[in-house]
């Protein structure tokens, strides 16, 4: 057994004993958790990615505490909401991208709305994902596995460029 494998085994044993992940930051108080969540959710419509929370110093145990107390709500494996109510449209889009899988991007009409289209009511969330990537079914989200991903916009929420999104939206369901 290599030294790296021994370290992983020790970390797994420590996780089993304590219930804390080896890479988790130390526990923080409720005010610190709330401040971190507030900073992270500003641009995401009230939701945060669990990895971003961890980087901000809020570990798994802290998130578990907030969820158990009813102050935060889980909306999948990666998405945590700062409130327990319905998600906003912006938050629903971020959730769709985070929960479907790595490399995913908004597509179709939802990508156009995220790019600034107004006067259009969305009836579904379309997300494209590279064909070879892992993906998970997400309620309310239609996944499109693409052998070749169309070009995406670099700023803000990951989304297909408008000229491609128009073509995909015209294709319909």
Protein backbone atom coordinates (compact mmCIF):
# COMPACT_ATOMS: atom_id res chain seq x y z
CA UNK A 1 0.00 0.00 0.00
CA UNK A 2 1.41 3.39 -1.01
CA UNK A 3 1.77 6.29 1.41
CA UNK A 4 -1.00 8.19 -0.42
CA UNK A 5 -3.39 5.23 -0.11
CA UNK A 6 -2.59 4.94 3.63
CA UNK A 7 -3.38 8.65 4.08
CA UNK A 8 -6.72 8.20 2.30
CA UNK A 9 -7.54 5.19 4.47
CA UNK A 10 -6.75 7.17 7.63
CA UNK A 11 -8.89 10.07 6.40
CA UNK A 12 -11.81 7.71 5.69
CA UNK A 13 -11.47 6.17 9.16
CA UNK A 14 -11.40 9.62 10.75
CA UNK A 15 -14.51 10.59 8.80
CA UNK A 16 -16.30 7.45 9.98
CA UNK A 17 -15.37 8.15 13.62
CA UNK A 18 -16.15 11.87 13.78
CA UNK A 19 -18.71 12.39 11.02
CA UNK A 20 -16.61 15.32 9.74
CA UNK A 21 -14.92 15.34 6.37
CA UNK A 22 -11.14 15.64 6.52
CA UNK A 23 -11.14 18.75 4.29
CA UNK A 24 -13.89 20.57 6.17
CA UNK A 25 -13.02 23.89 7.77
CA UNK A 26 -13.46 24.16 11.54
CA UNK A 27 -16.99 24.85 12.82
CA UNK A 28 -18.06 28.50 12.84
CA UNK A 29 -20.79 30.34 14.73
CA UNK A 30 -24.22 31.09 13.28
CA UNK A 31 -23.47 34.76 12.56
CA UNK A 32 -20.41 33.81 10.50
CA UNK A 33 -22.42 31.22 8.57
CA UNK A 34 -25.18 33.75 7.88
CA UNK A 35 -22.67 36.37 6.68
CA UNK A 36 -20.96 33.88 4.35
CA UNK A 37 -24.31 32.76 2.94
CA UNK A 38 -25.41 36.37 2.40
CA UNK A 39 -22.20 37.17 0.48
CA UNK A 40 -22.50 34.09 -1.73
CA UNK A 41 -26.19 34.38 -2.55
CA UNK A 42 -26.21 37.98 -3.78
CA UNK A 43 -25.42 37.08 -7.40
CA UNK A 44 -27.23 33.74 -7.37
CA UNK A 45 -30.75 34.77 -6.45
CA UNK A 46 -30.63 33.43 -2.90
CA UNK A 47 -28.82 30.11 -3.42
CA UNK A 48 -25.24 28.98 -2.90
CA UNK A 49 -23.19 25.98 -4.03
CA UNK A 50 -22.00 23.75 -1.19
CA UNK A 51 -18.41 23.92 -2.47
CA UNK A 52 -18.51 27.73 -2.40
CA UNK A 53 -19.78 27.60 1.18
CA UNK A 54 -16.91 25.30 2.12
CA UNK A 55 -14.37 27.66 0.52
CA UNK A 56 -15.97 30.52 2.50
CA UNK A 57 -15.35 28.60 5.72
CA UNK A 58 -18.76 26.97 6.19
CA UNK A 59 -18.24 23.21 6.45
CA UNK A 60 -20.59 20.29 5.96
CA UNK A 61 -21.47 20.12 9.64
CA UNK A 62 -22.34 23.84 9.65
CA UNK A 63 -24.58 23.41 6.60
CA UNK A 64 -26.22 20.38 8.24
CA UNK A 65 -26.95 22.48 11.35
CA UNK A 66 -28.57 25.27 9.33
CA UNK A 67 -30.65 22.78 7.35
CA UNK A 68 -31.75 20.92 10.49
CA UNK A 69 -32.79 24.16 12.18
CA UNK A 70 -34.92 25.15 9.18
CA UNK A 71 -33.02 28.37 8.44
CA UNK A 72 -31.69 27.08 5.10
CA UNK A 73 -33.16 24.62 2.60
CA UNK A 74 -31.46 22.02 0.41
CA UNK A 75 -32.44 21.90 -3.25
CA UNK A 76 -30.30 18.97 -4.38
CA UNK A 77 -26.80 17.65 -3.87
CA UNK A 78 -25.07 20.99 -4.48
CA UNK A 79 -27.61 23.77 -3.99
CA UNK A 80 -28.50 25.35 -0.65
CA UNK A 81 -31.03 28.19 -0.36
CA UNK A 82 -30.77 30.97 2.21
CA UNK A 83 -34.54 30.76 2.78
CA UNK A 84 -37.06 27.96 2.95
CA UNK A 85 -39.57 29.41 0.48
CA UNK A 86 -39.89 29.04 -3.28
CA UNK A 87 -36.80 29.68 -5.37
CA UNK A 88 -36.67 32.79 -7.53
CA UNK A 89 -36.26 32.44 -11.30
CA UNK A 90 -32.57 33.32 -11.04
CA UNK A 91 -32.04 30.80 -8.23
CA UNK A 92 -33.86 28.10 -10.20
CA UNK A 93 -31.50 28.66 -13.13
CA UNK A 94 -28.41 28.36 -10.95
CA UNK A 95 -29.83 25.24 -9.34
CA UNK A 96 -30.45 23.71 -12.77
CA UNK A 97 -26.85 24.29 -13.89
CA UNK A 98 -25.28 23.10 -10.61
CA UNK A 99 -27.46 20.02 -10.15
CA UNK A 100 -27.45 18.62 -13.71
CA UNK A 101 -23.69 18.09 -13.76
CA UNK A 102 -20.29 19.48 -14.62
CA UNK A 103 -19.91 21.47 -17.82
CA UNK A 104 -23.63 22.19 -18.08
CA UNK A 105 -25.06 25.44 -19.45
CA UNK A 106 -28.50 26.96 -19.84
CA UNK A 107 -29.85 26.47 -23.35
CA UNK A 108 -32.83 27.43 -25.48
CA UNK A 109 -35.30 30.06 -24.31
CA UNK A 110 -33.97 30.09 -20.74
CA UNK A 111 -30.50 31.04 -22.05
CA UNK A 112 -32.06 33.88 -24.03
CA UNK A 113 -33.94 35.15 -20.97
CA UNK A 114 -30.73 34.92 -18.89
CA UNK A 115 -29.00 36.97 -21.63
CA UNK A 116 -31.60 39.75 -21.36
CA UNK A 117 -34.64 38.76 -23.43
CA UNK A 118 -37.75 40.37 -21.95
CA UNK A 119 -41.46 39.79 -22.40
CA UNK A 120 -41.16 36.02 -22.58
CA UNK A 121 -42.59 33.60 -20.03
CA UNK A 122 -40.60 30.41 -19.48
CA UNK A 123 -42.44 27.12 -19.21
CA UNK A 124 -39.34 24.94 -18.80
CA UNK A 125 -35.62 25.00 -18.02
CA UNK A 126 -33.39 23.57 -20.75
CA UNK A 127 -29.81 22.68 -19.85
CA UNK A 128 -27.18 21.30 -22.20
CA UNK A 129 -24.45 19.03 -20.87
CA UNK A 130 -21.47 17.42 -22.59
CA UNK A 131 -22.37 13.89 -23.68
CA UNK A 132 -19.48 12.22 -21.85
CA UNK A 133 -20.04 13.98 -18.50
CA UNK A 134 -21.93 12.53 -15.58
CA UNK A 135 -25.40 13.92 -15.33
CA UNK A 136 -28.26 13.60 -12.91
CA UNK A 137 -31.98 13.99 -13.46
CA UNK A 138 -33.29 17.16 -11.85
CA UNK A 139 -37.03 17.78 -11.40
CA UNK A 140 -38.24 20.57 -13.66
CA UNK A 141 -35.12 20.55 -15.85
CA UNK A 142 -34.86 19.13 -19.35
CA UNK A 143 -31.34 17.84 -20.09
CA UNK A 144 -29.86 17.87 -23.57
CA UNK A 145 -26.74 15.74 -23.90
CA UNK A 146 -24.56 17.21 -26.63
CA UNK A 147 -21.72 15.42 -28.37
CA UNK A 148 -20.26 18.84 -29.04
CA UNK A 149 -21.23 21.66 -26.71
CA UNK A 150 -22.15 24.92 -28.44
CA UNK A 151 -20.13 28.02 -27.50
CA UNK A 152 -21.05 29.54 -24.14
CA UNK A 153 -21.08 33.04 -22.68
CA UNK A 154 -18.17 33.62 -20.31
CA UNK A 155 -19.72 35.95 -17.72
CA UNK A 156 -22.51 35.22 -15.25
CA UNK A 157 -24.47 32.02 -15.25
CA UNK A 158 -23.14 29.46 -17.75
CA UNK A 159 -25.34 29.67 -20.84
CA UNK A 160 -25.19 28.92 -24.53
CA UNK A 161 -24.45 31.91 -26.77
CA UNK A 162 -27.67 33.59 -27.98
CA UNK A 163 -27.25 32.70 -31.66
CA UNK A 164 -27.14 28.99 -30.73
CA UNK A 165 -29.83 29.28 -28.05
CA UNK A 166 -32.27 30.71 -30.64
CA UNK A 167 -31.76 27.67 -32.85
CA UNK A 168 -32.23 25.27 -29.94
CA UNK A 169 -35.34 27.12 -28.72
CA UNK A 170 -36.85 26.97 -32.22
CA UNK A 171 -36.32 23.18 -32.25
CA UNK A 172 -38.82 22.99 -29.40
CA UNK A 173 -39.29 20.03 -27.08
